Structures are given as C-alpha cells and as structure tokens.
Amino acid sequence: MPVWIRATLFVLLMPGTVAGWLPWIIADEPSVTRHRWLAAIGAATIAAGWSVLLWCARDFAVRGRGTLAPIDPPRALVTRGLYEYVRNPMYVGVVTAVLGQAAWFASRSMLAYAIVVALLFHTTIVIYEEPKLARSFGSSYDDYRARVPRWIPRRPGR
C-alpha cells in the first residue's frame, strides 16, 4: 500500500479521534459559543492545529518514507519543515486543535481534555518516543535533540 494511503488512514484513525470526533463527545451536545470573537479564535486555532498536523504527516511520508503510526514509522529522521523549529510539532498541532475546539464550544471540559492530552503526549514522548528515536537514529537524533526544543518553537540556529 502506498505511503500516502497509509499516512491518510492513520491520520483519520488517531489524530482524527483525539482532535476530531472525541472532542465532540466530550463537549456534550456541542454548539458554537454565542461569543462570535471566541468562535472566530476557536476556528482559526482549529485550522492552525490541523494544518500543522497535516504538514507533519506529509513530511513523514515524503521525507521520512513512513507514517505517524508507531508500527509504520519514518525510515529517516525528519528534521526539516516544522521539525526545524520544534521536535514535536504534530503533538503541538493536535493540542492546538483541541484548544481551538475548547474556544469554539466555550467548553471547560474540552479545556480539561486538552490539558490531559498534552500531559499524556509529554509522558509518552519522554518515556517511549525519545528513547526509541535515540536507539533508532543514534547520534543524529542526539544532535537534533540538542539543537531543537521539545515543545516551545524557536527559530533554527538559536
């Protein structure tokens, strides 16, 4: 199966669940907030989060020749594109999309969900992903990790 099909299926399955239909269930009968400014901020934030996620999925497929799925990871370390600014832009994109939904629905439960998702992502990255990447890519990952921050983006070379 071509990598772009595998990548699309996994994006629909996992991020689509975490930042798509699950927030609708958590929001409990979601309706757009009556505050137009908050809805506009929410819509822009959702769009930004999904744009980041899709950009990263494309980079994984094109540059890394793999997908977001742990069973079909990139064969090459992806350090270009958004990965030049932050090591985990996909996760940042998902949390951003969920925060946008919290604003869109003016939902405190969605905000709590976003916090839980962020904490779970952080734990997964520290306990599982970073050690696995260090084993898979060795010193090239160590060098990358030394120059690119985990969560807060910054310009390359700073």
N, C-alpha and C. Protein backbone atom coordinates (compact mmCIF):
# COMPACT_ATOMS: atom_id res chain seq x y z
N MET A 1 0.86 -1.18 0.00
CA MET A 1 0.00 0.00 0.00
C MET A 1 0.90 1.24 0.00
N PRO A 2 0.64 2.22 -0.85
CA PRO A 2 1.48 3.43 -0.89
C PRO A 2 1.49 4.17 0.45
N VAL A 3 2.62 4.84 0.72
CA VAL A 3 2.79 5.52 1.99
C VAL A 3 1.72 6.59 2.21
N TRP A 4 1.30 7.30 1.18
CA TRP A 4 0.31 8.37 1.37
C TRP A 4 -1.03 7.81 1.80
N ILE A 5 -1.37 6.61 1.36
CA ILE A 5 -2.63 5.98 1.80
C ILE A 5 -2.50 5.55 3.26
N ARG A 6 -1.37 4.94 3.60
CA ARG A 6 -1.15 4.53 4.99
C ARG A 6 -1.18 5.74 5.92
N ALA A 7 -0.53 6.82 5.50
CA ALA A 7 -0.49 8.04 6.32
C ALA A 7 -1.89 8.62 6.49
N THR A 8 -2.66 8.68 5.43
CA THR A 8 -4.01 9.21 5.50
C THR A 8 -4.88 8.39 6.43
N LEU A 9 -4.80 7.07 6.32
CA LEU A 9 -5.60 6.21 7.18
C LEU A 9 -5.27 6.41 8.65
N PHE A 10 -3.96 6.52 8.97
CA PHE A 10 -3.59 6.70 10.37
C PHE A 10 -4.00 8.07 10.89
N VAL A 11 -3.88 9.11 10.06
CA VAL A 11 -4.32 10.45 10.48
C VAL A 11 -5.81 10.43 10.80
N LEU A 12 -6.59 9.78 9.97
CA LEU A 12 -8.03 9.69 10.23
C LEU A 12 -8.32 8.89 11.50
N LEU A 13 -7.53 7.85 11.73
CA LEU A 13 -7.76 6.98 12.88
C LEU A 13 -7.37 7.64 14.21
N MET A 14 -6.11 8.04 14.36
CA MET A 14 -5.65 8.52 15.66
C MET A 14 -5.88 10.01 15.88
N PRO A 15 -5.19 10.90 15.15
CA PRO A 15 -5.46 12.32 15.39
C PRO A 15 -6.93 12.67 15.12
N GLY A 16 -7.53 11.99 14.15
CA GLY A 16 -8.95 12.22 13.88
C GLY A 16 -9.83 11.89 15.07
N THR A 17 -9.41 10.91 15.85
CA THR A 17 -10.14 10.57 17.08
C THR A 17 -9.84 11.59 18.18
N VAL A 18 -8.56 11.82 18.45
CA VAL A 18 -8.15 12.67 19.57
C VAL A 18 -8.57 14.13 19.36
N ALA A 19 -8.43 14.64 18.13
CA ALA A 19 -8.72 16.06 17.86
C ALA A 19 -9.94 16.23 16.96
N GLY A 20 -10.69 15.18 16.75
CA GLY A 20 -11.86 15.24 15.87
C GLY A 20 -13.14 14.87 16.57
N TRP A 21 -13.53 13.61 16.47
CA TRP A 21 -14.85 13.23 16.99
C TRP A 21 -14.90 13.10 18.50
N LEU A 22 -13.81 12.71 19.16
CA LEU A 22 -13.83 12.60 20.63
C LEU A 22 -14.13 13.93 21.32
N PRO A 23 -13.54 15.04 20.86
CA PRO A 23 -13.92 16.33 21.47
C PRO A 23 -15.41 16.66 21.34
N TRP A 24 -16.03 16.22 20.25
CA TRP A 24 -17.48 16.46 20.10
C TRP A 24 -18.25 15.73 21.20
N ILE A 25 -17.80 14.52 21.53
CA ILE A 25 -18.46 13.75 22.59
C ILE A 25 -18.22 14.42 23.94
N ILE A 26 -16.98 14.85 24.18
CA ILE A 26 -16.63 15.48 25.45
C ILE A 26 -17.38 16.80 25.64
N ALA A 27 -17.55 17.55 24.55
CA ALA A 27 -18.23 18.84 24.64
C ALA A 27 -19.70 18.67 25.02
N ASP A 28 -20.25 17.44 24.85
CA ASP A 28 -21.62 17.14 25.27
C ASP A 28 -22.63 18.09 24.62
N GLU A 29 -23.18 17.64 23.52
CA GLU A 29 -24.12 18.44 22.73
C GLU A 29 -23.49 19.77 22.32
N PRO A 30 -22.43 19.68 21.55
CA PRO A 30 -21.71 20.91 21.20
C PRO A 30 -22.51 21.88 20.35
N SER A 31 -22.36 23.10 20.66
CA SER A 31 -22.89 24.17 19.81
C SER A 31 -21.88 25.31 19.89
N VAL A 32 -21.80 26.06 18.81
CA VAL A 32 -20.84 27.15 18.75
C VAL A 32 -21.20 28.18 19.82
N THR A 33 -20.18 28.69 20.48
CA THR A 33 -20.39 29.70 21.51
C THR A 33 -21.12 30.92 20.95
N ARG A 34 -21.85 31.59 21.80
CA ARG A 34 -22.57 32.80 21.37
C ARG A 34 -21.62 33.97 21.18
N HIS A 35 -20.42 33.86 21.71
CA HIS A 35 -19.44 34.93 21.57
C HIS A 35 -18.73 34.77 20.23
N ARG A 36 -19.06 35.60 19.28
CA ARG A 36 -18.51 35.47 17.93
C ARG A 36 -16.98 35.55 17.92
N TRP A 37 -16.42 36.43 18.75
CA TRP A 37 -14.97 36.58 18.77
C TRP A 37 -14.29 35.31 19.26
N LEU A 38 -14.90 34.63 20.25
CA LEU A 38 -14.34 33.38 20.76
C LEU A 38 -14.48 32.27 19.72
N ALA A 39 -15.59 32.25 19.02
CA ALA A 39 -15.79 31.26 17.96
C ALA A 39 -14.77 31.49 16.84
N ALA A 40 -14.51 32.74 16.50
CA ALA A 40 -13.54 33.04 15.44
C ALA A 40 -12.13 32.62 15.85
N ILE A 41 -11.77 32.90 17.09
CA ILE A 41 -10.46 32.47 17.60
C ILE A 41 -10.39 30.94 17.59
N GLY A 42 -11.47 30.30 18.02
CA GLY A 42 -11.50 28.84 18.03
C GLY A 42 -11.35 28.25 16.64
N ALA A 43 -12.08 28.80 15.67
CA ALA A 43 -12.00 28.29 14.29
C ALA A 43 -10.59 28.46 13.72
N ALA A 44 -9.99 29.61 13.95
CA ALA A 44 -8.62 29.85 13.45
C ALA A 44 -7.63 28.91 14.13
N THR A 45 -7.82 28.66 15.41
CA THR A 45 -6.92 27.78 16.16
C THR A 45 -7.07 26.33 15.71
N ILE A 46 -8.29 25.90 15.48
CA ILE A 46 -8.53 24.55 14.96
C ILE A 46 -7.85 24.40 13.60
N ALA A 47 -8.05 25.37 12.72
CA ALA A 47 -7.44 25.31 11.39
C ALA A 47 -5.92 25.29 11.47
N ALA A 48 -5.36 26.10 12.36
CA ALA A 48 -3.90 26.12 12.52
C ALA A 48 -3.39 24.77 13.02
N GLY A 49 -4.05 24.21 14.02
CA GLY A 49 -3.64 22.92 14.57
C GLY A 49 -3.68 21.81 13.54
N TRP A 50 -4.76 21.72 12.79
CA TRP A 50 -4.88 20.69 11.75
C TRP A 50 -3.90 20.93 10.61
N SER A 51 -3.62 22.18 10.29
CA SER A 51 -2.64 22.48 9.24
C SER A 51 -1.26 21.98 9.64
N VAL A 52 -0.88 22.21 10.89
CA VAL A 52 0.40 21.73 11.40
C VAL A 52 0.45 20.20 11.34
N LEU A 53 -0.60 19.57 11.82
CA LEU A 53 -0.65 18.10 11.83
C LEU A 53 -0.52 17.53 10.42
N LEU A 54 -1.26 18.08 9.48
CA LEU A 54 -1.23 17.57 8.11
C LEU A 54 0.11 17.83 7.43
N TRP A 55 0.71 18.98 7.72
CA TRP A 55 2.05 19.28 7.19
C TRP A 55 3.04 18.22 7.68
N CYS A 56 2.96 17.92 8.97
CA CYS A 56 3.88 16.93 9.55
C CYS A 56 3.64 15.54 8.98
N ALA A 57 2.39 15.17 8.80
CA ALA A 57 2.08 13.86 8.21
C ALA A 57 2.66 13.77 6.80
N ARG A 58 2.57 14.86 6.06
CA ARG A 58 3.16 14.90 4.71
C ARG A 58 4.68 14.75 4.79
N ASP A 59 5.31 15.48 5.71
CA ASP A 59 6.77 15.39 5.86
C ASP A 59 7.20 13.97 6.25
N PHE A 60 6.44 13.32 7.12
CA PHE A 60 6.76 11.95 7.49
C PHE A 60 6.71 11.04 6.27
N ALA A 61 5.69 11.23 5.44
CA ALA A 61 5.54 10.38 4.25
C ALA A 61 6.61 10.68 3.21
N VAL A 62 6.83 11.97 2.90
CA VAL A 62 7.74 12.35 1.83
C VAL A 62 9.20 12.29 2.26
N ARG A 63 9.52 12.92 3.38
CA ARG A 63 10.92 12.99 3.81
C ARG A 63 11.36 11.74 4.57
N GLY A 64 10.45 11.22 5.39
CA GLY A 64 10.82 10.08 6.24
C GLY A 64 10.43 8.73 5.68
N ARG A 65 9.60 8.73 4.61
CA ARG A 65 9.13 7.49 4.00
C ARG A 65 8.43 6.58 5.00
N GLY A 66 7.57 7.19 5.83
CA GLY A 66 6.80 6.44 6.81
C GLY A 66 5.56 7.22 7.20
N THR A 67 4.95 6.81 8.27
CA THR A 67 3.71 7.44 8.72
C THR A 67 3.81 7.81 10.20
N LEU A 68 2.71 8.36 10.72
CA LEU A 68 2.63 8.70 12.14
C LEU A 68 2.46 7.45 13.00
N ALA A 69 2.06 6.35 12.40
CA ALA A 69 1.77 5.12 13.14
C ALA A 69 3.04 4.51 13.73
N PRO A 70 3.00 4.15 15.00
CA PRO A 70 4.18 3.50 15.61
C PRO A 70 4.59 2.21 14.90
N ILE A 71 3.66 1.54 14.25
CA ILE A 71 4.00 0.30 13.54
C ILE A 71 4.55 0.56 12.13
N ASP A 72 4.50 1.83 11.69
CA ASP A 72 4.98 2.19 10.36
C ASP A 72 5.71 3.54 10.42
N PRO A 73 6.75 3.65 11.28
CA PRO A 73 7.40 4.94 11.50
C PRO A 73 8.27 5.35 10.31
N PRO A 74 8.67 6.61 10.26
CA PRO A 74 9.59 7.04 9.22
C PRO A 74 10.89 6.24 9.25
N ARG A 75 11.41 5.98 8.07
CA ARG A 75 12.68 5.25 7.97
C ARG A 75 13.87 6.19 8.12
N ALA A 76 13.62 7.48 7.89
CA ALA A 76 14.67 8.50 8.02
C ALA A 76 14.21 9.53 9.06
N LEU A 77 15.15 10.06 9.81
CA LEU A 77 14.85 11.08 10.81
C LEU A 77 14.41 12.37 10.10
N VAL A 78 13.23 12.84 10.44
CA VAL A 78 12.69 14.06 9.81
C VAL A 78 13.09 15.25 10.67
N THR A 79 13.90 16.14 10.09
CA THR A 79 14.40 17.31 10.81
C THR A 79 14.17 18.60 10.04
N ARG A 80 13.46 18.54 8.96
CA ARG A 80 13.17 19.72 8.13
C ARG A 80 11.71 20.13 8.29
N GLY A 81 11.36 21.23 7.67
CA GLY A 81 10.00 21.73 7.78
C GLY A 81 9.76 22.25 9.19
N LEU A 82 8.63 21.92 9.76
CA LEU A 82 8.31 22.38 11.11
C LEU A 82 9.21 21.74 12.16
N TYR A 83 9.83 20.62 11.81
CA TYR A 83 10.73 19.94 12.74
C TYR A 83 12.04 20.71 12.94
N GLU A 84 12.27 21.75 12.18
CA GLU A 84 13.43 22.61 12.42
C GLU A 84 13.19 23.54 13.60
N TYR A 85 11.92 23.75 13.96
CA TYR A 85 11.54 24.71 15.00
C TYR A 85 11.21 24.05 16.33
N VAL A 86 10.66 22.85 16.26
CA VAL A 86 10.25 22.14 17.47
C VAL A 86 10.24 20.64 17.17
N ARG A 87 10.63 19.81 18.15
CA ARG A 87 10.76 18.38 17.90
C ARG A 87 9.42 17.66 17.76
N ASN A 88 8.38 18.21 18.30
CA ASN A 88 7.08 17.51 18.32
C ASN A 88 5.95 18.35 17.75
N PRO A 89 6.10 18.86 16.54
CA PRO A 89 5.06 19.75 16.02
C PRO A 89 3.71 19.05 15.81
N MET A 90 3.73 17.75 15.55
CA MET A 90 2.46 17.04 15.38
C MET A 90 1.63 17.09 16.65
N TYR A 91 2.27 16.80 17.75
CA TYR A 91 1.56 16.84 19.03
C TYR A 91 1.11 18.26 19.35
N VAL A 92 1.96 19.23 19.06
CA VAL A 92 1.58 20.63 19.26
C VAL A 92 0.34 20.95 18.42
N GLY A 93 0.31 20.46 17.18
CA GLY A 93 -0.84 20.68 16.31
C GLY A 93 -2.11 20.07 16.85
N VAL A 94 -2.03 18.85 17.36
CA VAL A 94 -3.22 18.18 17.92
C VAL A 94 -3.73 18.95 19.13
N VAL A 95 -2.85 19.29 20.05
CA VAL A 95 -3.28 20.03 21.25
C VAL A 95 -3.85 21.40 20.86
N THR A 96 -3.23 22.04 19.87
CA THR A 96 -3.73 23.33 19.40
C THR A 96 -5.15 23.18 18.84
N ALA A 97 -5.39 22.14 18.05
CA ALA A 97 -6.73 21.90 17.51
C ALA A 97 -7.76 21.66 18.62
N VAL A 98 -7.36 20.92 19.64
CA VAL A 98 -8.28 20.66 20.75
C VAL A 98 -8.54 21.95 21.54
N LEU A 99 -7.52 22.76 21.75
CA LEU A 99 -7.72 24.05 22.42
C LEU A 99 -8.64 24.95 21.59
N GLY A 100 -8.51 24.88 20.28
CA GLY A 100 -9.41 25.63 19.41
C GLY A 100 -10.86 25.18 19.59
N GLN A 101 -11.05 23.89 19.76
CA GLN A 101 -12.40 23.39 19.99
C GLN A 101 -12.93 23.83 21.35
N ALA A 102 -12.04 23.91 22.32
CA ALA A 102 -12.46 24.40 23.64
C ALA A 102 -12.98 25.83 23.51
N ALA A 103 -12.30 26.65 22.71
CA ALA A 103 -12.76 28.02 22.48
C ALA A 103 -14.03 28.04 21.65
N TRP A 104 -14.06 27.27 20.58
CA TRP A 104 -15.21 27.20 19.66
C TRP A 104 -16.50 26.87 20.42
N PHE A 105 -16.40 25.89 21.32
CA PHE A 105 -17.57 25.46 22.09
C PHE A 105 -17.69 26.15 23.44
N ALA A 106 -16.71 26.99 23.80
CA ALA A 106 -16.65 27.61 25.12
C ALA A 106 -16.85 26.54 26.19
N SER A 107 -16.02 25.50 26.10
CA SER A 107 -16.20 24.31 26.93
C SER A 107 -15.04 24.12 27.91
N ARG A 108 -15.36 24.16 29.18
CA ARG A 108 -14.34 23.89 30.21
C ARG A 108 -13.91 22.43 30.19
N SER A 109 -14.84 21.53 29.92
CA SER A 109 -14.48 20.11 29.87
C SER A 109 -13.52 19.86 28.71
N MET A 110 -13.68 20.59 27.61
CA MET A 110 -12.76 20.45 26.48
C MET A 110 -11.38 21.00 26.85
N LEU A 111 -11.35 22.08 27.61
CA LEU A 111 -10.08 22.63 28.07
C LEU A 111 -9.37 21.62 28.98
N ALA A 112 -10.10 20.99 29.88
CA ALA A 112 -9.52 19.96 30.74
C ALA A 112 -9.02 18.78 29.91
N TYR A 113 -9.77 18.40 28.90
CA TYR A 113 -9.36 17.33 27.99
C TYR A 113 -8.05 17.70 27.30
N ALA A 114 -7.93 18.93 26.83
CA ALA A 114 -6.70 19.39 26.17
C ALA A 114 -5.50 19.27 27.11
N ILE A 115 -5.69 19.62 28.36
CA ILE A 115 -4.61 19.52 29.33
C ILE A 115 -4.20 18.07 29.55
N VAL A 116 -5.20 17.19 29.68
CA VAL A 116 -4.91 15.75 29.85
C VAL A 116 -4.19 15.20 28.62
N VAL A 117 -4.65 15.57 27.44
CA VAL A 117 -4.00 15.11 26.20
C VAL A 117 -2.54 15.58 26.17
N ALA A 118 -2.30 16.84 26.50
CA ALA A 118 -0.94 17.38 26.50
C ALA A 118 -0.05 16.62 27.48
N LEU A 119 -0.57 16.34 28.67
CA LEU A 119 0.21 15.59 29.66
C LEU A 119 0.50 14.16 29.20
N LEU A 120 -0.49 13.53 28.58
CA LEU A 120 -0.28 12.17 28.06
C LEU A 120 0.75 12.17 26.92
N PHE A 121 0.68 13.16 26.05
CA PHE A 121 1.67 13.28 24.98
C PHE A 121 3.06 13.44 25.58
N HIS A 122 3.19 14.33 26.54
CA HIS A 122 4.51 14.58 27.14
C HIS A 122 5.07 13.30 27.76
N THR A 123 4.24 12.61 28.50
CA THR A 123 4.67 11.36 29.14
C THR A 123 5.09 10.33 28.11
N THR A 124 4.31 10.18 27.06
CA THR A 124 4.62 9.22 26.00
C THR A 124 5.94 9.56 25.33
N ILE A 125 6.15 10.82 25.08
CA ILE A 125 7.38 11.25 24.40
C ILE A 125 8.60 10.99 25.27
N VAL A 126 8.52 11.35 26.54
CA VAL A 126 9.67 11.20 27.44
C VAL A 126 9.97 9.73 27.72
N ILE A 127 8.93 8.94 27.97
CA ILE A 127 9.14 7.55 28.36
C ILE A 127 9.37 6.62 27.18
N TYR A 128 8.68 6.86 26.06
CA TYR A 128 8.74 5.92 24.95
C TYR A 128 9.44 6.46 23.70
N GLU A 129 8.94 7.59 23.18
CA GLU A 129 9.40 8.04 21.86
C GLU A 129 10.86 8.48 21.82
N GLU A 130 11.26 9.34 22.74
CA GLU A 130 12.64 9.83 22.69
C GLU A 130 13.66 8.71 22.88
N PRO A 131 13.48 7.79 23.83
CA PRO A 131 14.44 6.67 23.91
C PRO A 131 14.45 5.81 22.64
N LYS A 132 13.27 5.59 22.05
CA LYS A 132 13.20 4.79 20.82
C LYS A 132 13.91 5.50 19.67
N LEU A 133 13.72 6.80 19.54
CA LEU A 133 14.40 7.56 18.49
C LEU A 133 15.91 7.56 18.70
N ALA A 134 16.34 7.66 19.95
CA ALA A 134 17.77 7.63 20.25
C ALA A 134 18.37 6.28 19.85
N ARG A 135 17.64 5.19 20.11
CA ARG A 135 18.12 3.86 19.70
C ARG A 135 18.12 3.71 18.18
N SER A 136 17.08 4.24 17.53
CA SER A 136 16.94 4.07 16.08
C SER A 136 17.91 4.93 15.29
N PHE A 137 18.13 6.17 15.73
CA PHE A 137 18.88 7.12 14.92
C PHE A 137 20.20 7.56 15.55
N GLY A 138 20.49 7.09 16.76
CA GLY A 138 21.78 7.32 17.40
C GLY A 138 22.19 8.78 17.53
N SER A 139 23.43 9.06 17.15
CA SER A 139 23.98 10.39 17.36
C SER A 139 23.28 11.47 16.54
N SER A 140 22.70 11.10 15.39
CA SER A 140 21.99 12.12 14.61
C SER A 140 20.76 12.62 15.38
N TYR A 141 20.10 11.72 16.12
CA TYR A 141 18.98 12.17 16.95
C TYR A 141 19.48 12.96 18.16
N ASP A 142 20.58 12.53 18.75
CA ASP A 142 21.15 13.26 19.88
C ASP A 142 21.51 14.69 19.48
N ASP A 143 22.11 14.84 18.31
CA ASP A 143 22.45 16.18 17.81
C ASP A 143 21.19 17.01 17.58
N TYR A 144 20.20 16.40 16.96
CA TYR A 144 18.92 17.07 16.70
C TYR A 144 18.27 17.51 18.01
N ARG A 145 18.23 16.59 18.98
CA ARG A 145 17.62 16.89 20.27
C ARG A 145 18.35 18.02 20.99
N ALA A 146 19.65 18.12 20.81
CA ALA A 146 20.44 19.18 21.46
C ALA A 146 20.16 20.56 20.87
N ARG A 147 19.78 20.63 19.61
CA ARG A 147 19.60 21.94 18.98
C ARG A 147 18.14 22.37 18.79
N VAL A 148 17.18 21.44 18.94
CA VAL A 148 15.78 21.78 18.69
C VAL A 148 14.97 21.49 19.96
N PRO A 149 14.18 22.47 20.42
CA PRO A 149 13.41 22.27 21.66
C PRO A 149 12.26 21.27 21.48
N ARG A 150 11.87 20.68 22.59
CA ARG A 150 10.81 19.67 22.56
C ARG A 150 9.44 20.29 22.27
N TRP A 151 9.08 21.39 22.95
CA TRP A 151 7.71 21.90 22.89
C TRP A 151 7.56 23.33 22.40
N ILE A 152 8.42 24.22 22.84
CA ILE A 152 8.26 25.64 22.51
C ILE A 152 9.08 25.97 21.27
N PRO A 153 8.42 26.27 20.15
CA PRO A 153 9.18 26.53 18.91
C PRO A 153 10.12 27.72 19.02
N ARG A 154 11.23 27.60 18.31
CA ARG A 154 12.15 28.75 18.17
C ARG A 154 12.81 28.64 16.80
N ARG A 155 13.30 29.76 16.35
CA ARG A 155 13.96 29.80 15.05
C ARG A 155 15.21 28.92 15.06
N PRO A 156 15.48 28.25 13.95
CA PRO A 156 16.69 27.42 13.88
C PRO A 156 17.95 28.27 14.11
N GLY A 157 18.94 27.64 14.73
CA GLY A 157 20.22 28.30 14.97
C GLY A 157 20.24 29.16 16.21
N ARG A 158 19.18 29.15 17.01
CA ARG A 158 19.16 29.95 18.24
C ARG A 158 19.42 29.09 19.44
